[in-house]
Protein backbone atom coordinates (compact mmCIF):
# COMPACT_ATOMS: atom_id res chain seq x y z
CA MET A 1 87.47 132.67 91.93
CA THR A 2 89.78 129.74 92.84
CA ARG A 3 93.39 130.86 94.01
CA LEU A 4 96.29 128.80 94.62
CA THR A 5 99.41 130.28 96.33
CA PHE A 6 102.57 128.68 97.05
CA HIS A 7 104.04 129.52 100.52
CA GLY A 8 106.67 126.62 100.60
CA ALA A 9 108.26 123.94 98.36
CA ALA A 10 108.70 126.35 95.72
CA GLU A 11 112.09 126.19 94.06
CA THR A 12 112.99 124.05 97.09
CA VAL A 13 112.34 120.66 98.48
CA THR A 14 111.17 121.69 101.97
CA GLY A 15 108.56 123.62 103.63
CA SER A 16 105.53 122.41 101.86
CA LYS A 17 102.55 124.79 102.20
CA TYR A 18 99.91 125.34 99.52
CA LEU A 19 97.14 127.84 100.23
CA LEU A 20 93.86 126.85 98.15
CA GLU A 21 91.16 129.41 98.28
CA ALA A 22 87.56 129.09 96.70
CA ASP A 23 84.70 131.36 97.52
CA ASP A 24 85.38 132.30 101.28
CA ALA A 25 86.94 128.98 102.07
CA LYS A 26 90.71 128.65 102.79
CA VAL A 27 92.42 125.14 102.84
CA LEU A 28 96.15 124.87 103.56
CA ILE A 29 97.58 121.66 101.75
CA ASP A 30 100.49 120.58 104.06
CA CYS A 31 102.21 122.63 106.64
CA GLY A 32 105.99 121.67 106.66
CA LEU A 33 109.17 123.06 108.20
CA PHE A 34 111.85 124.56 105.89
CA GLN A 35 115.10 122.45 106.26
CA GLY A 36 118.58 122.51 104.89
CA LEU A 37 120.29 125.97 104.03
CA LYS A 38 120.31 128.59 106.78
CA GLU A 39 118.48 131.06 104.59
CA LEU A 40 115.66 128.42 104.24
CA ARG A 41 115.63 127.48 107.95
CA LEU A 42 115.29 131.24 108.90
CA ARG A 43 111.95 131.25 107.18
CA ASN A 44 110.42 129.14 109.76
CA TRP A 45 110.81 132.13 111.98
CA ASP A 46 109.01 134.64 109.57
CA PRO A 47 105.43 135.46 110.08
CA LEU A 48 103.13 133.56 107.68
CA PRO A 49 101.75 135.87 104.98
CA PHE A 50 98.25 134.94 105.91
CA ALA A 51 96.54 134.77 109.43
CA ALA A 52 96.65 131.42 110.99
CA ASP A 53 93.13 131.78 112.23
CA SER A 54 91.90 132.59 108.70
CA LEU A 55 92.30 128.94 107.68
CA ASP A 56 89.25 126.74 107.60
CA ARG A 57 91.14 123.34 107.32
CA ILE A 58 94.64 121.99 106.93
CA VAL A 59 95.07 118.80 105.01
CA LEU A 60 98.18 116.76 104.93
CA THR A 61 99.66 114.45 102.26
CA HIS A 62 101.85 112.63 104.80
CA ALA A 63 103.66 112.74 108.00
CA HIS A 64 107.25 113.76 107.23
CA ILE A 65 108.41 116.96 108.79
CA ASP A 66 108.95 118.87 105.68
CA HIS A 67 105.23 118.42 105.27
CA THR A 68 103.93 118.53 108.73
CA GLY A 69 106.57 120.23 111.01
CA TYR A 70 105.18 123.66 111.08
CA LEU A 71 101.81 122.47 112.49
CA PRO A 72 102.72 123.19 116.15
CA ARG A 73 103.70 126.86 115.23
CA ILE A 74 100.56 127.56 113.21
CA VAL A 75 98.42 126.24 116.04
CA LYS A 76 100.48 128.31 118.40
CA ASP A 77 99.78 131.31 116.14
CA GLY A 78 96.04 130.80 116.14
CA TYR A 79 94.81 127.94 114.04
CA HIS A 80 92.12 125.99 115.82
CA GLY A 81 90.43 123.90 113.09
CA PRO A 82 90.73 120.22 112.18
CA ILE A 83 93.98 118.87 110.52
CA ILE A 84 92.73 116.30 107.98
CA CYS A 85 94.85 113.29 107.25
CA THR A 86 94.78 109.44 106.89
CA PRO A 87 94.75 107.17 110.02
CA GLY A 88 98.33 106.09 109.36
CA THR A 89 99.59 109.73 108.97
CA LYS A 90 97.70 110.71 112.22
CA ARG A 91 99.55 108.07 114.17
CA LEU A 92 102.99 108.79 112.63
CA ALA A 93 102.60 112.74 112.91
CA GLU A 94 101.98 112.22 116.70
CA LEU A 95 105.47 110.75 116.98
CA LEU A 96 107.20 112.99 114.60
CA LEU A 97 105.78 116.30 115.93
CA LEU A 98 106.52 115.53 119.46
CA ASP A 99 110.01 114.44 118.54
CA SER A 100 110.64 117.48 116.54
CA ALA A 101 109.51 119.64 119.53
CA GLU A 102 111.78 117.70 121.93
CA ASN A 103 114.76 117.88 119.52
CA GLN A 104 114.33 121.52 119.23
CA GLU A 105 114.23 122.13 122.87
CA ARG A 106 117.10 119.71 123.46
CA ASP A 107 119.21 121.44 120.73
CA ALA A 108 118.35 124.92 122.17
CA GLU A 109 119.45 123.75 125.54
CA TYR A 110 122.61 122.17 124.20
CA PHE A 111 123.54 125.36 122.17
CA ASN A 112 122.97 127.52 125.24
CA TYR A 113 125.08 125.15 127.44
CA LYS A 114 128.00 125.18 124.87
CA GLY A 115 127.52 128.87 124.03
CA ILE A 116 127.42 127.99 120.30
CA SER A 117 124.50 130.03 119.14
CA LYS A 118 124.42 133.70 117.98
CA HIS A 119 121.10 134.02 119.86
CA LYS A 120 121.01 134.65 123.54
CA PRO A 121 119.37 132.56 124.56
CA ALA A 122 118.73 130.13 121.78
CA LEU A 123 115.04 129.31 121.61
CA PRO A 124 113.09 126.53 120.01
CA LEU A 125 110.48 127.34 117.26
CA TYR A 126 107.88 125.62 119.46
CA ASP A 127 107.81 123.14 122.55
CA PRO A 128 106.18 119.83 123.28
CA LYS A 129 103.16 121.64 124.72
CA ASP A 130 102.53 123.31 121.35
CA ALA A 131 103.03 119.96 119.48
CA ARG A 132 100.53 118.20 121.73
CA LYS A 133 97.92 121.11 121.02
CA ALA A 134 98.47 120.34 117.16
CA ILE A 135 98.24 116.62 117.71
CA LYS A 136 94.73 117.05 119.39
CA GLN A 137 93.54 118.64 116.11
CA LEU A 138 94.58 115.77 113.91
CA THR A 139 91.49 114.28 112.35
CA ALA A 140 91.61 110.89 110.46
CA LYS A 141 89.81 110.29 107.35
CA PRO A 142 89.92 107.16 105.15
CA ARG A 143 91.30 106.91 101.67
CA SER A 144 89.11 106.62 98.53
CA GLN A 145 86.05 108.54 99.96
CA TRP A 146 85.25 112.23 99.25
CA HIS A 147 85.37 114.46 102.39
CA GLN A 148 84.26 118.18 102.44
CA ALA A 149 87.28 120.19 103.52
CA ALA A 150 85.56 123.61 103.64
CA GLY A 151 82.99 125.35 101.63
CA PRO A 152 83.04 124.06 97.86
CA ILE A 153 86.48 122.40 98.44
CA TRP A 154 86.22 118.58 98.58
CA ILE A 155 89.11 116.15 98.90
CA ARG A 156 89.92 112.59 98.52
CA PHE A 157 93.10 110.63 99.36
CA HIS A 158 94.94 108.10 97.21
CA ASP A 159 98.05 105.98 98.31
CA ALA A 160 101.21 107.74 97.08
CA GLY A 161 103.43 104.77 97.95
CA HIS A 162 105.92 106.95 99.71
CA LEU A 163 105.46 106.23 103.42
CA LEU A 164 102.84 104.64 105.68
CA GLY A 165 99.71 106.62 105.31
CA SER A 166 100.99 108.76 102.48
CA ASN A 167 98.71 110.25 99.93
CA MET A 168 98.26 112.23 96.81
CA ILE A 169 95.16 114.45 97.35
CA GLU A 170 92.54 114.71 94.64
CA VAL A 171 90.43 118.03 94.89
CA GLU A 172 87.16 119.07 93.46
CA ILE A 173 86.11 122.75 93.74
CA ARG A 174 82.28 122.24 93.52
CA ASN A 175 81.10 125.70 92.94
CA GLN A 176 80.97 125.23 89.25
CA ASP A 177 79.70 122.56 86.78
CA PRO A 178 81.80 120.56 86.15
CA PRO A 179 83.87 120.84 89.15
CA LEU A 180 87.39 122.32 88.84
CA ARG A 181 89.91 119.42 89.56
CA LEU A 182 93.23 119.65 91.26
CA LEU A 183 95.64 116.87 92.11
CA PHE A 184 98.53 117.48 94.70
CA SER A 185 100.93 114.63 94.19
CA GLY A 186 102.50 114.87 97.61
CA ASP A 187 105.80 112.84 97.58
CA VAL A 188 105.37 110.24 94.86
CA GLY A 189 106.74 106.85 96.08
CA ARG A 190 108.90 104.44 93.92
CA TYR A 191 107.65 101.44 91.87
CA ASP A 192 108.63 98.00 93.52
CA ALA A 193 109.83 99.70 96.59
CA PRO A 194 110.43 97.49 99.74
CA LEU A 195 107.74 97.72 102.18
CA TYR A 196 105.47 100.01 100.20
CA HIS A 197 102.73 99.62 97.46
CA ASP A 198 103.23 101.26 93.97
CA PRO A 199 101.80 104.84 93.93
CA HIS A 200 98.18 104.99 92.81
CA GLU A 201 97.47 106.12 89.20
CA PRO A 202 96.85 109.89 89.17
CA PRO A 203 93.29 110.64 88.50
CA ARG A 204 92.18 113.08 85.82
CA CYS A 205 92.76 116.74 86.78
CA ASP A 206 92.64 120.30 85.56
CA PHE A 207 95.77 121.33 87.57
CA LEU A 208 98.57 119.07 88.75
CA ILE A 209 100.77 120.09 91.54
CA CYS A 210 103.56 117.75 91.14
CA GLU A 211 106.83 117.13 93.20
CA SER A 212 110.16 117.16 91.29
CA THR A 213 112.75 116.14 93.92
CA TYR A 214 114.57 113.67 91.48
CA GLY A 215 113.25 115.49 88.29
CA ASN A 216 116.78 115.76 86.90
CA ARG A 217 118.20 112.23 87.72
CA ASP A 218 117.19 108.73 88.06
CA HIS A 219 118.05 106.13 90.88
CA PRO A 220 120.82 103.66 89.60
CA GLU A 221 119.41 100.56 88.07
CA GLY A 222 119.70 97.38 89.80
CA ASP A 223 118.17 95.62 92.76
CA VAL A 224 118.46 97.35 96.21
CA LEU A 225 118.99 93.92 97.98
CA ASP A 226 121.88 93.10 95.59
CA ASP A 227 123.41 96.64 96.13
CA LEU A 228 122.87 96.44 99.86
CA GLU A 229 124.49 92.92 99.98
CA VAL A 230 127.63 94.17 98.31
CA THR A 231 127.96 97.27 100.47
CA MET A 232 127.26 95.31 103.59
CA ASN A 233 129.75 92.55 103.01
CA GLU A 234 132.44 95.00 102.22
CA ALA A 235 131.68 97.04 105.40
CA ILE A 236 131.71 93.96 107.58
CA GLU A 237 135.06 92.93 106.11
CA ARG A 238 136.51 96.30 107.09
CA GLY A 239 135.47 95.23 110.70
CA GLY A 240 134.24 98.72 111.79
CA VAL A 241 130.75 99.92 112.76
CA ILE A 242 128.24 100.57 110.00
CA LEU A 243 126.56 103.90 110.65
CA MET A 244 123.23 104.44 108.81
CA ALA A 245 121.76 107.91 108.78
CA SER A 246 117.96 107.29 108.58
CA PHE A 247 114.73 108.99 108.98
CA ALA A 248 113.18 107.42 112.16
CA VAL A 249 109.78 106.60 110.52
CA GLY A 250 109.71 104.62 107.45
CA ARG A 251 113.29 104.54 106.52
CA ALA A 252 114.60 102.95 109.54
CA GLN A 253 111.89 100.18 109.32
CA GLN A 254 112.80 99.66 105.60
CA LEU A 255 116.39 99.24 106.41
CA ILE A 256 115.97 96.79 109.16
CA TYR A 257 113.49 94.69 106.99
CA LEU A 258 116.05 94.50 104.08
CA LEU A 259 118.90 93.71 106.46
CA GLN A 260 116.81 91.00 107.88
CA VAL A 261 116.03 89.50 104.46
CA LEU A 262 119.63 89.40 103.65
CA MET A 263 120.59 87.70 106.87
CA HIS A 264 117.84 85.29 106.90
CA SER A 265 118.82 84.21 103.38
CA GLY A 266 122.46 83.88 104.23
CA ARG A 267 123.63 86.51 101.95
CA ILE A 268 125.30 88.53 104.64
CA PRO A 269 126.43 87.45 108.17
CA LYS A 270 124.21 87.93 111.09
CA ILE A 271 125.32 90.91 112.98
CA ASP A 272 123.82 93.07 115.67
CA ILE A 273 121.65 96.03 114.56
CA TYR A 274 121.15 98.94 117.03
CA LEU A 275 118.17 101.23 116.43
CA ASP A 276 119.12 104.49 118.21
CA SER A 277 115.83 106.18 118.05
CA PRO A 278 113.05 106.03 120.58
CA MET A 279 110.64 107.37 117.88
CA ALA A 280 111.66 104.57 115.56
CA VAL A 281 111.06 102.02 118.26
CA ASP A 282 107.69 103.42 118.79
CA ALA A 283 106.90 103.58 115.14
CA THR A 284 107.00 99.73 115.00
CA GLU A 285 103.71 99.40 116.86
CA ILE A 286 102.19 101.76 114.26
CA PHE A 287 103.59 99.56 111.35
CA ARG A 288 102.13 96.54 112.89
CA ASP A 289 98.56 98.08 113.15
CA PHE A 290 98.81 99.24 109.45
CA ALA A 291 99.85 95.95 107.86
CA GLU A 292 97.81 96.57 104.81
CA ASP A 293 99.97 99.42 103.86
CA HIS A 294 102.94 97.14 103.49
CA ASP A 295 104.38 95.18 100.57
CA LEU A 296 106.59 92.44 101.96
CA SER A 297 107.19 90.66 98.73
CA GLU A 298 111.05 90.84 99.03
CA GLY A 299 111.01 88.36 101.77
CA ARG A 300 109.12 86.13 104.11
CA LEU A 301 109.69 87.25 107.63
CA ASN A 302 106.25 86.32 109.12
CA GLY A 303 104.74 89.76 108.51
CA PRO A 304 105.48 93.22 109.50
CA GLU A 305 105.55 92.45 113.17
CA SER A 306 108.98 90.79 112.67
CA VAL A 307 110.48 93.89 111.28
CA LEU A 308 112.06 95.13 114.54
CA ASN A 309 111.58 92.12 116.82
CA ALA A 310 114.41 89.83 115.81
CA PRO A 311 116.84 88.99 118.64
CA ASN A 312 119.63 90.65 116.97
CA VAL A 313 117.88 94.05 116.83
CA HIS A 314 118.50 96.22 119.87
CA MET A 315 116.33 99.09 120.87
CA VAL A 316 118.10 102.18 122.07
CA ARG A 317 115.93 104.64 123.89
CA SER A 318 117.78 106.60 126.53
CA SER A 319 120.60 109.05 125.91
CA LYS A 320 122.71 107.10 128.36
CA GLU A 321 122.21 103.87 126.15
CA SER A 322 123.05 105.93 123.06
CA ARG A 323 126.38 107.17 124.67
CA GLU A 324 127.22 103.59 125.52
CA LEU A 325 127.40 102.90 121.74
CA ASN A 326 130.54 104.87 121.59
CA LYS A 327 132.25 101.71 123.04
CA LEU A 328 130.71 99.49 120.47
CA LYS A 329 133.30 97.48 118.28
CA GLY A 330 132.27 96.30 114.93
CA PRO A 331 131.06 94.67 112.87
CA ALA A 332 127.68 96.02 113.85
CA VAL A 333 124.90 98.50 112.55
CA ILE A 334 123.94 101.60 114.16
CA ILE A 335 120.83 103.21 112.73
CA ALA A 336 120.15 106.81 113.98
CA SER A 337 118.31 109.91 112.88
CA SER A 338 118.01 112.31 111.25
CA GLY A 339 118.22 111.11 107.60
CA MET A 340 119.79 114.25 106.29
CA MET A 341 122.20 114.58 109.24
CA THR A 342 120.69 117.94 110.25
CA GLY A 343 120.23 117.10 113.88
CA GLY A 344 119.52 114.40 116.49
CA ARG A 345 121.52 111.54 117.63
CA ILE A 346 123.23 110.89 114.34
CA LEU A 347 125.38 113.91 114.80
CA PHE A 348 126.96 112.40 117.95
CA HIS A 349 127.67 109.13 116.20
CA LEU A 350 129.10 110.89 113.18
CA ARG A 351 131.52 112.97 115.51
CA GLN A 352 132.64 109.55 116.98
CA ARG A 353 132.79 107.39 113.94
CA LEU A 354 133.74 109.56 110.97
CA PRO A 355 137.42 109.97 111.86
CA TRP A 356 138.15 106.29 111.62
CA ALA A 357 138.71 104.51 108.25
CA GLN A 358 137.32 101.05 109.38
CA ASN A 359 133.91 102.55 109.84
CA THR A 360 131.29 102.87 107.10
CA LEU A 361 128.73 105.78 106.72
CA LEU A 362 125.84 104.52 104.60
CA ALA A 363 123.48 107.04 103.29
CA GLY A 364 120.39 106.39 101.32
CA GLY A 365 117.98 108.96 99.58
CA PHE A 366 117.98 112.64 98.84
CA MET A 367 120.04 115.14 100.85
CA ALA A 368 118.84 118.74 100.70
CA ALA A 369 121.26 121.61 99.78
CA GLY A 370 122.97 122.92 102.90
CA THR A 371 122.52 119.82 104.97
CA LEU A 372 125.44 117.99 106.61
CA GLY A 373 124.54 114.99 104.61
CA ARG A 374 124.78 116.78 101.36
CA ARG A 375 128.23 118.15 102.24
CA ILE A 376 129.36 114.75 103.13
CA GLN A 377 128.00 113.26 100.08
CA GLU A 378 129.80 115.91 97.95
CA GLY A 379 133.14 115.03 99.43
CA GLU A 380 133.99 117.40 102.02
CA ARG A 381 136.88 115.91 103.90
CA THR A 382 136.25 117.97 107.21
CA VAL A 383 132.86 118.91 108.50
CA ARG A 384 131.67 121.05 111.29
CA ILE A 385 129.71 119.22 114.02
CA HIS A 386 128.90 120.89 117.36
CA LYS A 387 131.39 123.58 116.69
CA ARG A 388 134.29 120.96 116.23
CA ASP A 389 136.20 120.09 112.96
CA VAL A 390 135.69 116.40 112.26
CA PRO A 391 137.75 114.67 109.77
CA VAL A 392 135.80 112.43 107.23
CA ASN A 393 137.97 109.32 107.07
CA ALA A 394 135.26 106.67 107.27
CA HIS A 395 134.25 104.77 104.02
CA LEU A 396 131.23 106.46 102.49
CA ALA A 397 128.54 104.38 100.86
CA SER A 398 125.16 105.34 99.26
CA ILE A 399 122.30 103.03 98.40
CA SER A 400 119.90 105.39 96.45
CA GLY A 401 117.41 102.46 95.82
CA LEU A 402 116.48 103.18 99.51
CA SER A 403 114.85 106.54 98.40
CA GLY A 404 111.25 107.04 99.07
CA HIS A 405 110.98 109.31 96.25
CA ALA A 406 110.23 108.44 92.53
CA GLY A 407 113.09 108.85 90.27
CA GLN A 408 112.98 110.85 86.96
CA SER A 409 111.62 108.00 84.92
CA GLU A 410 109.24 106.91 87.56
CA LEU A 411 107.73 110.46 87.81
CA LEU A 412 107.31 110.29 84.04
CA GLN A 413 105.75 106.81 84.16
CA TRP A 414 103.43 108.16 86.95
CA VAL A 415 102.09 111.00 84.79
CA SER A 416 102.14 109.03 81.46
CA GLY A 417 98.52 107.99 81.43
CA LEU A 418 97.14 111.27 82.69
CA PRO A 419 94.89 113.15 80.41
CA GLN A 420 96.50 116.44 79.68
CA PRO A 421 95.98 118.89 82.47
CA LYS A 422 95.44 122.56 81.75
CA LEU A 423 98.69 123.27 83.80
CA VAL A 424 101.34 121.39 85.73
CA PHE A 425 103.00 123.25 88.70
CA LEU A 426 106.27 121.76 89.61
CA THR A 427 107.26 122.12 93.04
CA HIS A 428 109.11 120.32 95.81
CA GLY A 429 112.42 120.34 93.90
CA GLU A 430 115.61 122.44 93.50
CA PRO A 431 115.52 124.82 90.58
CA GLU A 432 117.57 122.53 88.19
CA SER A 433 115.51 119.47 89.13
CA ALA A 434 112.27 121.20 88.44
CA SER A 435 113.52 122.74 85.24
CA VAL A 436 114.71 119.45 83.68
CA LEU A 437 111.49 117.63 84.59
CA SER A 438 109.45 120.59 83.16
CA GLY A 439 111.33 120.20 79.78
CA LEU A 440 110.69 116.54 79.70
CA MET A 441 106.98 116.77 80.40
CA ARG A 442 106.66 119.45 77.85
CA ARG A 443 108.40 117.46 75.10
CA ARG A 444 107.02 113.98 75.75
CA PHE A 445 103.42 114.78 76.82
CA GLY A 446 102.81 118.31 75.61
CA PHE A 447 102.03 119.35 79.06
CA ARG A 448 101.91 123.13 79.92
CA THR A 449 104.25 123.45 82.86
CA LEU A 450 105.13 126.19 85.44
CA ILE A 451 107.69 126.47 88.26
CA PRO A 452 106.14 128.70 90.82
CA ARG A 453 108.27 131.11 93.01
CA MET A 454 107.91 131.43 96.80
CA GLY A 455 104.80 133.39 97.54
CA GLU A 456 103.50 133.29 94.01
CA SER A 457 99.77 133.27 93.52
CA PHE A 458 97.49 132.15 90.72
CA ASN A 459 93.79 132.60 89.83
CA LEU A 460 93.18 129.27 88.35
CA GLU A 461 90.27 130.27 86.21
CA GLU A 462 92.73 132.48 84.31
CA GLN A 463 95.11 129.81 83.65
CA SER A 464 92.81 127.67 81.38
């Protein structure tokens, strides 16, 4: 019997955890944190419906926290085995997991100091010691080669084009002839995206587990450089600070690369860029070490090593340096995390910059329901930050071409050459998004589709 159970990213875009069982082997695909709505975040504190020490392996699609951020907790709860990923994912996950642990500790300390938590005291889900234990278990494996995960479960990585080191995971269950084949899409990247290669063509499979983040909509047509040029010139003319909410790994480097392309070509004035994220600064070294993961066709900047090294790019590491940016006059750019504005230094900059009309807040990519980023995107004129009401008077701009997720048409393009699977599970999307993509796949390709519920389990042999 081969069983697949959805313990995360079911009817939501976060908390990816898929438990695959064959014979006596148990492999967890991804181990992410729930983010966004409070009811989702609280699930991070719920005991897992399986014992952590019952797992044989954990395998990762990529390093983002909604796919890896629960690792320190599951290790703390008793998982001692390898955590399989690509070399690029291993390096990035080391940064992200430590940063996540430090942010949780810092936020808990801040909430206790300010008395703004219902919990007495506020506690982090895990601490840096737990993160370092998980990091020791990260085990790098190359793409395009088969690896035995556990028992009859074999895996192979293919480039998903979403982030440095990101993958779709091809699986063969080799206890039958022919093997049962599964494909976990991970997060599918965009075609012609700056910095990243196109997603690999999906291999033939019996069961496809496909993300649906943008299943109900497309990114606006147009060149991201053209859109960014217009937005930046308008923001510079207003004279204020351009605040960019960004994921520290991947998006931050992408933004700086594109800004440098525009500045070097004279399409926007040269202005100072402040990267307010120690993790993003550290990530630069990793991007240099994995140059083969980059597509620099948008501009010639002497390779990836130049992405963060230009004289007008300033690295901000300490909290003191970050606070000094409150005195900064525009025009200038501040890039800070987190991308969905759920925590980190971006909150302090938002509190400082949102009330003033000359400033610009630039958001790019998907904002999950319940996040501060989603509320601002939807037009709330006052938002709550650190127990303060903050008016939203800054100019709001969005460049969705910066999203690392394939849009609806790109997801359909990605599966268009795939021989018909027995069943497609649509995950990692809000209900409407998954439902729309489900209908399109059925009508256009004749695929049989299913949107699993949280905790739902399937005997795959019974789904033929």
